[in-house]
Amino acid sequence: MFDDQEFISDQNQFELKENVESIKLIKSKERVQNHGEVFTPKWMVQKMLAEPAIQAKLQDLHATFLEPSAGEGAFLVEILHQKLNYVDQTASKTNWPKQALWALMSIYGIELLQDNLIKARTAMMEVVINHYQAVMQKKLTSSTDFYKAVKFVIQTNIVQGNTLEYTNKEGQLIGL
C-alpha cells in the first residue's frame, strides 16, 4: 500500500463506495490476552460518532481527533469518511483537494501492533481515493502531488507506539 502501489480501476464512472467492515471482533485469544485487542464494530463506531457534539466537530475541518488505540482504524476511517462527506458537500471541485487535506491533517492515531497499523493506514488511503475519484470523476494515481501529500500525512499522523507509555518501538517518545 505505501510502496507506491497504485489502485487499479477500469471504471469510467466513479461512485462513492461504502466502507467495508471487518466482522471479526478478535483476531485471536492470545492477542486479547497479550494486548487487550478487541475491535469495535462499525455500527457502534457510527453510533458513538452520531452524538450531536461530535457531529459538529466532524463538520469543522480543523477540529482534531486522536485515536490512542487505533487498531485497524475503525474510528479513523469513519471520522475521515464523515469529514470527507462534509467536504464533498461544501467544497468546489477546485478547492476539494485542499479541503480534503485539511480534513485528513486533523486526524491522528497511535497503534501498538504493526499489522493493525498497516491496515489502518491502507483503509484511510482507500477512503481518500474513493472520495477523490467520486468527486473528481478521474483516477487518482500515485504520481500526483495530492496522492503524495495524502500518503505523507497518513504516514506522519498514524504512527506505531504504546500510548500507555508514550513510546514508539525504539523506546523514544511518540512524535505526533
N, C-alpha and C. Protein backbone atom coordinates (compact mmCIF):
# COMPACT_ATOMS: atom_id res chain seq x y z
N MET A 1 0.83 -1.20 0.00
CA MET A 1 0.00 0.00 0.00
C MET A 1 0.86 1.24 0.00
N PHE A 2 1.84 1.31 0.85
CA PHE A 2 2.65 2.52 0.94
C PHE A 2 3.98 2.34 0.24
N ASP A 3 4.04 1.43 -0.73
CA ASP A 3 5.24 1.25 -1.54
C ASP A 3 4.95 1.71 -2.96
N ASP A 4 4.25 2.82 -3.12
CA ASP A 4 3.86 3.38 -4.41
C ASP A 4 3.01 2.43 -5.24
N GLN A 5 2.29 1.55 -4.57
CA GLN A 5 1.36 0.66 -5.25
C GLN A 5 0.19 1.50 -5.73
N GLU A 6 -0.26 1.27 -6.94
CA GLU A 6 -1.39 2.02 -7.48
C GLU A 6 -2.67 1.23 -7.30
N PHE A 7 -3.76 1.94 -7.16
CA PHE A 7 -5.06 1.31 -7.13
C PHE A 7 -5.51 1.20 -8.58
N ILE A 8 -5.72 -0.01 -9.06
CA ILE A 8 -6.09 -0.25 -10.44
C ILE A 8 -7.61 -0.24 -10.55
N SER A 9 -8.09 0.52 -11.52
CA SER A 9 -9.52 0.59 -11.74
C SER A 9 -9.78 0.79 -13.22
N ASP A 10 -10.68 0.01 -13.78
CA ASP A 10 -11.02 0.17 -15.18
C ASP A 10 -12.35 0.91 -15.33
N GLN A 11 -12.78 1.55 -14.26
CA GLN A 11 -14.05 2.28 -14.28
C GLN A 11 -13.90 3.60 -15.02
N ASN A 12 -14.95 3.98 -15.74
CA ASN A 12 -15.01 5.31 -16.36
C ASN A 12 -15.80 6.25 -15.48
N GLN A 13 -16.73 5.71 -14.73
CA GLN A 13 -17.58 6.47 -13.83
C GLN A 13 -17.25 6.04 -12.40
N PHE A 14 -16.92 6.99 -11.53
CA PHE A 14 -16.55 6.65 -10.17
C PHE A 14 -17.69 7.02 -9.23
N GLU A 15 -17.98 6.11 -8.30
CA GLU A 15 -19.03 6.34 -7.31
C GLU A 15 -18.45 6.15 -5.92
N LEU A 16 -19.02 6.86 -4.96
CA LEU A 16 -18.61 6.71 -3.57
C LEU A 16 -19.07 5.35 -3.07
N LYS A 17 -18.12 4.57 -2.54
CA LYS A 17 -18.43 3.23 -2.07
C LYS A 17 -18.55 3.22 -0.56
N GLU A 18 -19.33 2.29 -0.05
CA GLU A 18 -19.48 2.12 1.40
C GLU A 18 -18.21 1.51 1.95
N ASN A 19 -17.80 1.96 3.14
CA ASN A 19 -16.63 1.38 3.81
C ASN A 19 -16.91 -0.07 4.15
N VAL A 20 -15.95 -0.94 3.89
CA VAL A 20 -16.09 -2.36 4.20
C VAL A 20 -15.81 -2.56 5.68
N GLU A 21 -16.66 -3.34 6.32
CA GLU A 21 -16.50 -3.59 7.75
C GLU A 21 -15.94 -4.98 7.98
N SER A 22 -14.97 -5.05 8.85
CA SER A 22 -14.47 -6.34 9.31
C SER A 22 -15.43 -6.84 10.38
N ILE A 23 -15.92 -8.06 10.22
CA ILE A 23 -16.91 -8.57 11.17
C ILE A 23 -16.29 -9.29 12.36
N LYS A 24 -14.96 -9.50 12.30
CA LYS A 24 -14.29 -10.17 13.41
C LYS A 24 -13.99 -9.16 14.51
N LEU A 25 -14.39 -9.47 15.73
CA LEU A 25 -14.12 -8.59 16.86
C LEU A 25 -12.80 -8.92 17.54
N ILE A 26 -12.31 -10.14 17.34
CA ILE A 26 -11.00 -10.51 17.86
C ILE A 26 -10.25 -11.30 16.78
N LYS A 27 -8.92 -11.19 16.78
CA LYS A 27 -8.11 -11.97 15.85
C LYS A 27 -7.72 -13.30 16.48
N SER A 28 -7.37 -13.26 17.75
CA SER A 28 -7.02 -14.49 18.46
C SER A 28 -7.14 -14.26 19.96
N LYS A 29 -7.30 -15.35 20.66
CA LYS A 29 -7.37 -15.30 22.12
C LYS A 29 -6.06 -14.75 22.70
N GLU A 30 -4.95 -15.12 22.07
CA GLU A 30 -3.64 -14.67 22.54
C GLU A 30 -3.49 -13.14 22.43
N ARG A 31 -3.99 -12.58 21.34
CA ARG A 31 -3.89 -11.13 21.16
C ARG A 31 -4.76 -10.39 22.17
N VAL A 32 -5.88 -10.98 22.52
CA VAL A 32 -6.73 -10.38 23.55
C VAL A 32 -6.00 -10.41 24.89
N GLN A 33 -5.41 -11.56 25.21
CA GLN A 33 -4.71 -11.71 26.48
C GLN A 33 -3.44 -10.85 26.55
N ASN A 34 -2.68 -10.81 25.46
CA ASN A 34 -1.39 -10.10 25.47
C ASN A 34 -1.51 -8.59 25.28
N HIS A 35 -2.51 -8.18 24.51
CA HIS A 35 -2.60 -6.76 24.15
C HIS A 35 -3.97 -6.13 24.46
N GLY A 36 -4.92 -6.93 24.90
CA GLY A 36 -6.25 -6.40 25.14
C GLY A 36 -6.95 -6.00 23.85
N GLU A 37 -6.59 -6.65 22.76
CA GLU A 37 -7.09 -6.28 21.43
C GLU A 37 -8.50 -6.82 21.19
N VAL A 38 -9.46 -5.92 21.13
CA VAL A 38 -10.83 -6.24 20.77
C VAL A 38 -11.31 -5.10 19.88
N PHE A 39 -11.84 -5.41 18.71
CA PHE A 39 -12.23 -4.39 17.74
C PHE A 39 -13.66 -3.91 17.98
N THR A 40 -13.89 -2.65 17.64
CA THR A 40 -15.21 -2.04 17.78
C THR A 40 -15.97 -2.22 16.47
N PRO A 41 -17.18 -2.78 16.52
CA PRO A 41 -17.95 -2.97 15.27
C PRO A 41 -18.36 -1.62 14.67
N LYS A 42 -18.51 -1.61 13.35
CA LYS A 42 -18.83 -0.37 12.63
C LYS A 42 -20.11 0.29 13.15
N TRP A 43 -21.13 -0.50 13.45
CA TRP A 43 -22.39 0.09 13.91
C TRP A 43 -22.19 0.87 15.21
N MET A 44 -21.29 0.37 16.08
CA MET A 44 -21.04 1.04 17.34
C MET A 44 -20.22 2.32 17.12
N VAL A 45 -19.26 2.25 16.21
CA VAL A 45 -18.47 3.43 15.86
C VAL A 45 -19.40 4.53 15.36
N GLN A 46 -20.30 4.17 14.44
CA GLN A 46 -21.23 5.15 13.88
C GLN A 46 -22.16 5.72 14.95
N LYS A 47 -22.61 4.87 15.85
CA LYS A 47 -23.50 5.34 16.92
C LYS A 47 -22.76 6.32 17.84
N MET A 48 -21.51 6.01 18.17
CA MET A 48 -20.73 6.89 19.04
C MET A 48 -20.44 8.23 18.36
N LEU A 49 -20.17 8.19 17.06
CA LEU A 49 -19.89 9.43 16.33
C LEU A 49 -21.15 10.22 15.99
N ALA A 50 -22.30 9.64 16.20
CA ALA A 50 -23.57 10.32 15.89
C ALA A 50 -23.97 11.33 16.96
N GLU A 51 -23.26 11.38 18.07
CA GLU A 51 -23.57 12.36 19.12
C GLU A 51 -23.51 13.77 18.54
N PRO A 52 -24.48 14.64 18.85
CA PRO A 52 -24.51 15.99 18.26
C PRO A 52 -23.21 16.79 18.42
N ALA A 53 -22.59 16.72 19.58
CA ALA A 53 -21.35 17.49 19.79
C ALA A 53 -20.23 16.98 18.89
N ILE A 54 -20.18 15.67 18.69
CA ILE A 54 -19.15 15.10 17.82
C ILE A 54 -19.48 15.41 16.36
N GLN A 55 -20.73 15.35 16.00
CA GLN A 55 -21.12 15.69 14.63
C GLN A 55 -20.72 17.12 14.28
N ALA A 56 -20.86 18.03 15.22
CA ALA A 56 -20.46 19.43 14.98
C ALA A 56 -18.95 19.50 14.72
N LYS A 57 -18.18 18.73 15.46
CA LYS A 57 -16.73 18.72 15.27
C LYS A 57 -16.34 18.06 13.94
N LEU A 58 -17.11 17.09 13.49
CA LEU A 58 -16.82 16.43 12.22
C LEU A 58 -17.01 17.38 11.04
N GLN A 59 -17.81 18.42 11.25
CA GLN A 59 -18.01 19.42 10.20
C GLN A 59 -17.08 20.61 10.35
N ASP A 60 -16.16 20.53 11.28
CA ASP A 60 -15.11 21.54 11.44
C ASP A 60 -13.81 20.89 10.97
N LEU A 61 -13.32 21.30 9.81
CA LEU A 61 -12.16 20.65 9.22
C LEU A 61 -10.91 20.77 10.07
N HIS A 62 -10.88 21.72 10.97
CA HIS A 62 -9.69 21.94 11.80
C HIS A 62 -9.81 21.31 13.20
N ALA A 63 -10.98 20.78 13.53
CA ALA A 63 -11.15 20.10 14.82
C ALA A 63 -10.38 18.78 14.76
N THR A 64 -9.51 18.57 15.74
CA THR A 64 -8.66 17.39 15.71
C THR A 64 -9.26 16.21 16.46
N PHE A 65 -8.91 15.03 15.97
CA PHE A 65 -9.32 13.77 16.58
C PHE A 65 -8.07 12.93 16.78
N LEU A 66 -7.95 12.33 17.97
CA LEU A 66 -6.85 11.42 18.27
C LEU A 66 -7.44 10.09 18.71
N GLU A 67 -7.04 9.03 18.02
CA GLU A 67 -7.42 7.68 18.41
C GLU A 67 -6.19 7.04 19.03
N PRO A 68 -6.14 6.92 20.37
CA PRO A 68 -4.94 6.43 21.05
C PRO A 68 -4.72 4.92 20.95
N SER A 69 -5.72 4.22 20.46
CA SER A 69 -5.61 2.77 20.29
C SER A 69 -6.32 2.43 18.98
N ALA A 70 -5.66 2.76 17.87
CA ALA A 70 -6.29 2.79 16.56
C ALA A 70 -6.74 1.44 16.02
N GLY A 71 -6.10 0.37 16.41
CA GLY A 71 -6.46 -0.93 15.84
C GLY A 71 -6.33 -0.90 14.34
N GLU A 72 -7.32 -1.44 13.65
CA GLU A 72 -7.31 -1.44 12.18
C GLU A 72 -7.94 -0.18 11.62
N GLY A 73 -8.25 0.78 12.48
CA GLY A 73 -8.69 2.09 12.02
C GLY A 73 -10.17 2.31 11.93
N ALA A 74 -10.98 1.56 12.65
CA ALA A 74 -12.44 1.71 12.56
C ALA A 74 -12.89 3.15 12.80
N PHE A 75 -12.39 3.76 13.89
CA PHE A 75 -12.77 5.15 14.18
C PHE A 75 -12.11 6.11 13.20
N LEU A 76 -10.84 5.91 12.91
CA LEU A 76 -10.12 6.79 12.00
C LEU A 76 -10.80 6.85 10.63
N VAL A 77 -11.15 5.68 10.12
CA VAL A 77 -11.77 5.58 8.80
C VAL A 77 -13.13 6.26 8.79
N GLU A 78 -13.94 6.01 9.82
CA GLU A 78 -15.28 6.61 9.85
C GLU A 78 -15.22 8.12 10.05
N ILE A 79 -14.30 8.59 10.88
CA ILE A 79 -14.12 10.03 11.06
C ILE A 79 -13.70 10.67 9.74
N LEU A 80 -12.74 10.07 9.09
CA LEU A 80 -12.28 10.59 7.79
C LEU A 80 -13.40 10.57 6.77
N HIS A 81 -14.12 9.47 6.72
CA HIS A 81 -15.24 9.36 5.77
C HIS A 81 -16.28 10.46 6.01
N GLN A 82 -16.63 10.68 7.26
CA GLN A 82 -17.64 11.70 7.55
C GLN A 82 -17.11 13.11 7.27
N LYS A 83 -15.85 13.35 7.60
CA LYS A 83 -15.27 14.66 7.29
C LYS A 83 -15.23 14.89 5.78
N LEU A 84 -14.86 13.85 5.02
CA LEU A 84 -14.81 13.99 3.57
C LEU A 84 -16.21 14.10 2.96
N ASN A 85 -17.21 13.47 3.57
CA ASN A 85 -18.59 13.68 3.12
C ASN A 85 -18.95 15.16 3.22
N TYR A 86 -18.55 15.78 4.31
CA TYR A 86 -18.80 17.21 4.50
C TYR A 86 -18.06 18.02 3.43
N VAL A 87 -16.81 17.68 3.17
CA VAL A 87 -16.04 18.37 2.13
C VAL A 87 -16.70 18.17 0.77
N ASP A 88 -17.16 16.95 0.49
CA ASP A 88 -17.85 16.66 -0.78
C ASP A 88 -19.04 17.59 -0.98
N GLN A 89 -19.76 17.87 0.11
CA GLN A 89 -20.97 18.68 0.02
C GLN A 89 -20.69 20.18 -0.03
N THR A 90 -19.56 20.62 0.54
CA THR A 90 -19.34 22.06 0.69
C THR A 90 -18.25 22.65 -0.20
N ALA A 91 -17.33 21.85 -0.67
CA ALA A 91 -16.20 22.39 -1.44
C ALA A 91 -16.45 22.30 -2.94
N SER A 92 -15.91 23.26 -3.65
CA SER A 92 -15.94 23.19 -5.11
C SER A 92 -14.91 22.17 -5.57
N LYS A 93 -15.00 21.76 -6.82
CA LYS A 93 -14.04 20.79 -7.34
C LYS A 93 -12.61 21.31 -7.27
N THR A 94 -12.44 22.59 -7.51
CA THR A 94 -11.09 23.17 -7.47
C THR A 94 -10.54 23.22 -6.06
N ASN A 95 -11.41 23.46 -5.11
CA ASN A 95 -10.99 23.60 -3.71
C ASN A 95 -11.01 22.27 -2.95
N TRP A 96 -11.59 21.24 -3.54
CA TRP A 96 -11.77 19.97 -2.85
C TRP A 96 -10.45 19.37 -2.33
N PRO A 97 -9.40 19.27 -3.15
CA PRO A 97 -8.16 18.65 -2.63
C PRO A 97 -7.59 19.36 -1.40
N LYS A 98 -7.61 20.67 -1.41
CA LYS A 98 -7.09 21.43 -0.27
C LYS A 98 -7.93 21.18 0.98
N GLN A 99 -9.25 21.22 0.83
CA GLN A 99 -10.15 21.00 1.97
C GLN A 99 -10.03 19.55 2.47
N ALA A 100 -9.88 18.61 1.54
CA ALA A 100 -9.73 17.20 1.93
C ALA A 100 -8.44 17.00 2.73
N LEU A 101 -7.37 17.67 2.33
CA LEU A 101 -6.11 17.58 3.08
C LEU A 101 -6.26 18.17 4.47
N TRP A 102 -6.98 19.28 4.61
CA TRP A 102 -7.23 19.85 5.94
C TRP A 102 -7.96 18.84 6.81
N ALA A 103 -8.97 18.19 6.23
CA ALA A 103 -9.74 17.18 6.98
C ALA A 103 -8.82 16.04 7.42
N LEU A 104 -8.00 15.56 6.50
CA LEU A 104 -7.09 14.46 6.80
C LEU A 104 -6.05 14.85 7.85
N MET A 105 -5.52 16.07 7.76
CA MET A 105 -4.48 16.51 8.68
C MET A 105 -4.98 16.69 10.11
N SER A 106 -6.29 16.66 10.29
CA SER A 106 -6.84 16.84 11.64
C SER A 106 -7.06 15.52 12.36
N ILE A 107 -6.65 14.41 11.75
CA ILE A 107 -6.89 13.09 12.31
C ILE A 107 -5.55 12.43 12.65
N TYR A 108 -5.46 11.95 13.90
CA TYR A 108 -4.24 11.32 14.39
C TYR A 108 -4.57 9.97 15.02
N GLY A 109 -3.62 9.04 14.94
CA GLY A 109 -3.83 7.74 15.54
C GLY A 109 -2.52 7.11 15.98
N ILE A 110 -2.61 6.33 17.03
CA ILE A 110 -1.46 5.58 17.55
C ILE A 110 -1.91 4.12 17.66
N GLU A 111 -1.08 3.22 17.17
CA GLU A 111 -1.39 1.80 17.25
C GLU A 111 -0.15 1.02 17.65
N LEU A 112 -0.32 0.10 18.56
CA LEU A 112 0.77 -0.70 19.10
C LEU A 112 1.29 -1.74 18.10
N LEU A 113 0.39 -2.42 17.41
CA LEU A 113 0.77 -3.56 16.59
C LEU A 113 0.93 -3.19 15.11
N GLN A 114 2.04 -3.61 14.53
CA GLN A 114 2.40 -3.26 13.15
C GLN A 114 1.35 -3.68 12.13
N ASP A 115 0.81 -4.89 12.23
CA ASP A 115 -0.17 -5.34 11.24
C ASP A 115 -1.43 -4.49 11.26
N ASN A 116 -1.86 -4.08 12.45
CA ASN A 116 -3.02 -3.20 12.55
C ASN A 116 -2.71 -1.82 11.97
N LEU A 117 -1.52 -1.32 12.24
CA LEU A 117 -1.10 -0.01 11.72
C LEU A 117 -1.18 0.01 10.20
N ILE A 118 -0.67 -1.02 9.56
CA ILE A 118 -0.69 -1.09 8.10
C ILE A 118 -2.13 -1.11 7.59
N LYS A 119 -2.99 -1.88 8.24
CA LYS A 119 -4.40 -1.95 7.82
C LYS A 119 -5.10 -0.61 8.00
N ALA A 120 -4.82 0.08 9.10
CA ALA A 120 -5.45 1.38 9.35
C ALA A 120 -5.01 2.39 8.30
N ARG A 121 -3.72 2.46 8.04
CA ARG A 121 -3.20 3.39 7.02
C ARG A 121 -3.79 3.09 5.65
N THR A 122 -3.81 1.80 5.30
CA THR A 122 -4.34 1.40 4.00
C THR A 122 -5.82 1.76 3.88
N ALA A 123 -6.59 1.51 4.92
CA ALA A 123 -8.02 1.82 4.90
C ALA A 123 -8.25 3.32 4.75
N MET A 124 -7.43 4.12 5.43
CA MET A 124 -7.58 5.58 5.31
C MET A 124 -7.25 6.04 3.89
N MET A 125 -6.21 5.48 3.31
CA MET A 125 -5.84 5.84 1.94
C MET A 125 -6.98 5.48 0.98
N GLU A 126 -7.58 4.32 1.19
CA GLU A 126 -8.69 3.90 0.34
C GLU A 126 -9.88 4.85 0.45
N VAL A 127 -10.16 5.36 1.65
CA VAL A 127 -11.26 6.31 1.83
C VAL A 127 -10.98 7.59 1.03
N VAL A 128 -9.78 8.11 1.14
CA VAL A 128 -9.44 9.34 0.40
C VAL A 128 -9.53 9.10 -1.10
N ILE A 129 -8.98 8.01 -1.57
CA ILE A 129 -9.02 7.69 -3.01
C ILE A 129 -10.46 7.56 -3.47
N ASN A 130 -11.27 6.88 -2.71
CA ASN A 130 -12.68 6.68 -3.04
C ASN A 130 -13.40 8.03 -3.17
N HIS A 131 -13.22 8.90 -2.20
CA HIS A 131 -13.88 10.21 -2.25
C HIS A 131 -13.33 11.05 -3.41
N TYR A 132 -12.03 11.06 -3.58
CA TYR A 132 -11.41 11.83 -4.67
C TYR A 132 -11.99 11.41 -6.02
N GLN A 133 -11.99 10.11 -6.27
CA GLN A 133 -12.45 9.62 -7.57
C GLN A 133 -13.94 9.88 -7.78
N ALA A 134 -14.73 9.80 -6.72
CA ALA A 134 -16.17 10.07 -6.84
C ALA A 134 -16.42 11.55 -7.13
N VAL A 135 -15.66 12.43 -6.51
CA VAL A 135 -15.85 13.87 -6.71
C VAL A 135 -15.25 14.33 -8.03
N MET A 136 -14.01 13.93 -8.28
CA MET A 136 -13.29 14.42 -9.47
C MET A 136 -13.62 13.65 -10.74
N GLN A 137 -14.20 12.46 -10.56
CA GLN A 137 -14.53 11.59 -11.69
C GLN A 137 -13.30 11.28 -12.55
N LYS A 138 -12.20 11.03 -11.85
CA LYS A 138 -10.99 10.57 -12.53
C LYS A 138 -10.16 9.78 -11.54
N LYS A 139 -9.30 8.93 -12.09
CA LYS A 139 -8.46 8.07 -11.28
C LYS A 139 -7.40 8.89 -10.56
N LEU A 140 -7.14 8.52 -9.31
CA LEU A 140 -6.07 9.15 -8.55
C LEU A 140 -4.84 8.25 -8.67
N THR A 141 -3.78 8.78 -9.25
CA THR A 141 -2.56 7.99 -9.44
C THR A 141 -1.50 8.39 -8.42
N SER A 142 -0.57 7.49 -8.18
CA SER A 142 0.47 7.72 -7.19
C SER A 142 1.48 8.78 -7.63
N SER A 143 1.42 9.20 -8.87
CA SER A 143 2.36 10.21 -9.35
C SER A 143 1.88 11.64 -9.08
N THR A 144 0.64 11.80 -8.60
CA THR A 144 0.11 13.15 -8.38
C THR A 144 0.60 13.71 -7.05
N ASP A 145 0.69 15.02 -6.99
CA ASP A 145 1.08 15.69 -5.74
C ASP A 145 0.06 15.42 -4.64
N PHE A 146 -1.22 15.37 -5.00
CA PHE A 146 -2.26 15.12 -4.00
C PHE A 146 -2.06 13.74 -3.36
N TYR A 147 -1.84 12.72 -4.16
CA TYR A 147 -1.61 11.37 -3.65
C TYR A 147 -0.41 11.36 -2.71
N LYS A 148 0.67 11.98 -3.15
CA LYS A 148 1.90 12.02 -2.33
C LYS A 148 1.67 12.74 -1.01
N ALA A 149 0.90 13.82 -1.05
CA ALA A 149 0.60 14.58 0.17
C ALA A 149 -0.25 13.73 1.12
N VAL A 150 -1.25 13.05 0.59
CA VAL A 150 -2.12 12.19 1.41
C VAL A 150 -1.28 11.08 2.06
N LYS A 151 -0.45 10.45 1.28
CA LYS A 151 0.42 9.38 1.78
C LYS A 151 1.31 9.90 2.91
N PHE A 152 1.90 11.08 2.71
CA PHE A 152 2.78 11.67 3.72
C PHE A 152 2.01 11.97 5.01
N VAL A 153 0.84 12.56 4.89
CA VAL A 153 0.04 12.91 6.07
C VAL A 153 -0.35 11.65 6.84
N ILE A 154 -0.79 10.63 6.14
CA ILE A 154 -1.20 9.40 6.81
C ILE A 154 -0.01 8.76 7.52
N GLN A 155 1.14 8.71 6.86
CA GLN A 155 2.33 8.12 7.49
C GLN A 155 2.80 8.95 8.69
N THR A 156 2.61 10.24 8.63
CA THR A 156 3.04 11.12 9.71
C THR A 156 2.07 11.11 10.88
N ASN A 157 0.78 11.08 10.60
CA ASN A 157 -0.24 11.20 11.65
C ASN A 157 -0.71 9.89 12.25
N ILE A 158 -0.52 8.79 11.55
CA ILE A 158 -0.95 7.48 12.05
C ILE A 158 0.33 6.69 12.31
N VAL A 159 0.69 6.56 13.59
CA VAL A 159 2.01 6.03 13.94
C VAL A 159 1.91 4.80 14.84
N GLN A 160 3.03 4.08 14.89
CA GLN A 160 3.12 2.94 15.79
C GLN A 160 3.69 3.41 17.12
N GLY A 161 3.07 2.94 18.20
CA GLY A 161 3.56 3.31 19.51
C GLY A 161 2.70 2.72 20.61
N ASN A 162 3.18 2.87 21.82
CA ASN A 162 2.47 2.41 23.01
C ASN A 162 1.93 3.66 23.71
N THR A 163 0.65 3.88 23.59
CA THR A 163 0.02 5.08 24.15
C THR A 163 0.17 5.14 25.67
N LEU A 164 0.13 4.00 26.33
CA LEU A 164 0.22 3.99 27.79
C LEU A 164 1.60 4.43 28.27
N GLU A 165 2.62 4.15 27.50
CA GLU A 165 3.98 4.52 27.88
C GLU A 165 4.51 5.73 27.10
N TYR A 166 3.73 6.21 26.13
CA TYR A 166 4.10 7.35 25.27
C TYR A 166 5.38 7.09 24.48
N THR A 167 5.64 5.82 24.12
CA THR A 167 6.86 5.50 23.41
C THR A 167 6.56 4.75 22.10
N ASN A 168 7.51 4.87 21.16
CA ASN A 168 7.41 4.11 19.92
C ASN A 168 8.21 2.82 20.08
N LYS A 169 8.34 2.07 18.97
CA LYS A 169 9.01 0.77 19.08
C LYS A 169 10.50 0.88 19.40
N GLU A 170 11.10 2.07 19.18
CA GLU A 170 12.50 2.30 19.54
C GLU A 170 12.66 2.78 20.98
N GLY A 171 11.55 2.91 21.70
CA GLY A 171 11.60 3.37 23.09
C GLY A 171 11.66 4.88 23.23
N GLN A 172 11.55 5.60 22.12
CA GLN A 172 11.55 7.06 22.14
C GLN A 172 10.13 7.58 22.29
N LEU A 173 10.00 8.85 22.69
CA LEU A 173 8.68 9.45 22.81
C LEU A 173 7.96 9.45 21.47
N ILE A 174 6.67 9.16 21.52
CA ILE A 174 5.86 9.16 20.28
C ILE A 174 5.83 10.60 19.78
N GLY A 175 6.15 10.76 18.52
CA GLY A 175 6.13 12.09 17.91
C GLY A 175 4.97 12.24 16.96
N LEU A 176 3.97 12.98 17.39
CA LEU A 176 2.84 13.26 16.50
C LEU A 176 2.86 14.70 16.10
